[in-house]
Amino acid sequence: MSIVYEGHVIWAQVDANMHLRHSAYADFAAQARISMLDSLGLDVKAFQKLHLGPILFREELLYLREVGINDTVKIHSVLSKSRPDGSRWSIRHELYRGDGVKAAIINVDGAWIDLFKRKLGALPEDLAQKFMTLPRAEDFLLEE
């Protein structure tokens, strides 16, 4: 099981070859993560109230197939790795074209940052528990 975000490829997202430009894959993955967090009640207002936000340490994109203008993409997102308290985590996004062909895999490693202290932080326990209910990859790894 995964959380699915659906989007439409627009003119501004294509390159000179009329393919989805490289950075647009990352944009779709970022929007899928925001949608995923929002489904847990971790929306922009909640983050503002907590003075926290997600931060990425690594983003890896594996391009598998071309995606063209006016195509619809579906991004399936799962938690692939996490500490038990959800303070450090990895998410895998698989991006599919409208015809069902897997076009890319986007892996990210992240954490939470305290926006006042500008240091790594953690979610409050109740939200960390919600975060840990995200759908998990088949190869999910719980780290200590």
Protein backbone atom coordinates (compact mmCIF):
# COMPACT_ATOMS: atom_id res chain seq x y z
CA MET A 1 0.00 0.00 0.00
CA SER A 2 1.12 3.57 -0.65
CA ILE A 3 -0.22 7.10 -0.61
CA VAL A 4 -0.91 8.29 -4.15
CA TYR A 5 -0.63 11.82 -5.48
CA GLU A 6 -1.78 12.60 -9.01
CA GLY A 7 -0.64 15.51 -11.16
CA HIS A 8 -0.69 16.75 -14.72
CA VAL A 9 2.42 17.68 -16.73
CA ILE A 10 2.14 21.28 -17.91
CA TRP A 11 4.09 23.33 -20.45
CA ALA A 12 6.35 24.91 -17.82
CA GLN A 13 7.55 21.46 -16.70
CA VAL A 14 8.97 20.26 -20.03
CA ASP A 15 12.42 20.74 -21.53
CA ALA A 16 13.52 21.53 -25.08
CA ASN A 17 13.00 17.86 -26.02
CA MET A 18 9.36 18.08 -24.89
CA HIS A 19 10.01 15.71 -21.97
CA LEU A 20 9.39 16.30 -18.29
CA ARG A 21 12.48 18.27 -17.21
CA HIS A 22 14.76 16.73 -14.62
CA SER A 23 13.87 19.07 -11.75
CA ALA A 24 10.12 18.63 -12.34
CA TYR A 25 10.43 15.01 -11.17
CA ALA A 26 11.74 16.33 -7.84
CA ASP A 27 8.93 18.92 -7.75
CA PHE A 28 6.31 16.21 -8.18
CA ALA A 29 7.94 14.14 -5.42
CA ALA A 30 8.02 17.18 -3.10
CA GLN A 31 4.32 17.84 -3.70
CA ALA A 32 3.58 14.16 -3.07
CA ARG A 33 5.42 14.40 0.28
CA ILE A 34 3.51 17.52 1.27
CA SER A 35 0.26 15.77 0.37
CA MET A 36 1.38 12.71 2.35
CA LEU A 37 2.16 14.79 5.44
CA ASP A 38 -1.07 16.74 5.04
CA SER A 39 -3.02 13.46 5.17
CA LEU A 40 -1.63 13.02 8.72
CA GLY A 41 -2.65 16.50 9.83
CA LEU A 42 0.86 17.82 9.30
CA ASP A 43 -0.14 20.71 7.09
CA VAL A 44 1.55 24.08 6.68
CA LYS A 45 -0.39 25.59 9.60
CA ALA A 46 0.64 22.75 11.92
CA PHE A 47 4.30 23.18 10.98
CA GLN A 48 4.06 26.94 11.51
CA LYS A 49 2.53 26.41 14.95
CA LEU A 50 5.26 23.90 15.87
CA HIS A 51 8.05 26.01 14.30
CA LEU A 52 9.17 22.83 12.52
CA GLY A 53 9.58 21.77 8.95
CA PRO A 54 10.85 18.86 6.91
CA ILE A 55 14.40 19.09 5.61
CA LEU A 56 16.18 16.87 3.09
CA PHE A 57 19.73 15.59 3.35
CA ARG A 58 19.71 13.58 0.14
CA GLU A 59 17.56 13.33 -2.95
CA GLU A 60 18.24 10.66 -5.56
CA LEU A 61 16.37 10.47 -8.85
CA LEU A 62 16.42 7.41 -11.05
CA TYR A 63 15.02 8.14 -14.50
CA LEU A 64 13.48 5.08 -16.13
CA ARG A 65 11.20 6.30 -18.94
CA GLU A 66 10.26 9.56 -20.63
CA VAL A 67 7.22 11.53 -19.54
CA GLY A 68 5.64 13.98 -21.96
CA ILE A 69 3.54 17.11 -21.89
CA ASN A 70 -0.15 16.67 -20.99
CA ASP A 71 0.55 13.29 -19.44
CA THR A 72 -0.94 12.50 -16.06
CA VAL A 73 1.46 11.16 -13.47
CA LYS A 74 0.77 9.21 -10.31
CA ILE A 75 3.31 9.22 -7.52
CA HIS A 76 3.16 6.32 -5.06
CA SER A 77 4.88 7.22 -1.78
CA VAL A 78 6.02 4.98 1.07
CA LEU A 79 8.19 5.27 4.14
CA SER A 80 11.32 3.25 3.34
CA LYS A 81 13.37 3.86 6.49
CA SER A 82 12.88 5.60 9.83
CA ARG A 83 14.06 5.88 13.38
CA PRO A 84 11.41 4.60 15.82
CA ASP A 85 10.52 8.17 16.84
CA GLY A 86 10.26 9.37 13.22
CA SER A 87 13.00 11.96 13.76
CA ARG A 88 15.03 10.77 10.75
CA TRP A 89 13.38 9.12 7.79
CA SER A 90 13.55 8.09 4.16
CA ILE A 91 10.70 8.16 1.66
CA ARG A 92 10.52 6.41 -1.70
CA HIS A 93 8.41 7.89 -4.48
CA GLU A 94 7.63 5.88 -7.60
CA LEU A 95 6.38 8.04 -10.45
CA TYR A 96 4.13 6.39 -13.05
CA ARG A 97 2.98 7.79 -16.38
CA GLY A 98 -0.67 7.84 -17.33
CA ASP A 99 -0.25 4.55 -19.20
CA GLY A 100 0.91 2.85 -15.98
CA VAL A 101 4.61 2.62 -16.89
CA LYS A 102 7.02 3.39 -14.04
CA ALA A 103 8.99 6.42 -15.21
CA ALA A 104 11.12 7.31 -12.16
CA ILE A 105 12.06 6.49 -8.60
CA ILE A 106 12.83 9.33 -6.23
CA ASN A 107 14.46 8.49 -2.88
CA VAL A 108 14.86 11.11 -0.19
CA ASP A 109 16.44 11.11 3.27
CA GLY A 110 15.22 13.71 5.70
CA ALA A 111 14.48 14.92 9.19
CA TRP A 112 12.73 17.77 10.98
CA ILE A 113 14.30 21.17 11.55
CA ASP A 114 13.46 23.59 14.35
CA LEU A 115 12.89 26.80 12.41
CA PHE A 116 13.88 29.06 15.32
CA LYS A 117 16.99 27.23 16.51
CA ARG A 118 17.97 26.20 12.95
CA LYS A 119 18.89 22.80 14.38
CA LEU A 120 17.44 19.34 13.91
CA GLY A 121 14.37 18.70 15.99
CA ALA A 122 11.62 16.14 16.44
CA LEU A 123 7.88 15.96 16.12
CA PRO A 124 5.79 15.96 19.29
CA GLU A 125 5.07 12.38 20.38
CA ASP A 126 1.46 12.32 19.13
CA LEU A 127 2.47 13.52 15.65
CA ALA A 128 5.49 11.20 15.59
CA GLN A 129 3.12 8.30 16.25
CA LYS A 130 0.93 9.45 13.35
CA PHE A 131 4.00 9.80 11.12
CA MET A 132 4.99 6.21 11.90
CA THR A 133 1.60 5.01 10.58
CA LEU A 134 2.57 5.99 7.02
CA PRO A 135 2.49 3.12 4.53
CA ARG A 136 5.81 1.29 4.57
CA ALA A 137 7.88 -0.13 1.75
CA GLU A 138 8.17 -3.90 1.58
CA ASP A 139 11.86 -3.49 2.42
CA PHE A 140 11.19 -0.95 5.21
CA LEU A 141 14.11 -0.59 7.64
CA LEU A 142 13.66 0.56 11.24
CA GLU A 143 16.90 2.20 12.38
CA GLU A 144 18.05 2.84 15.92
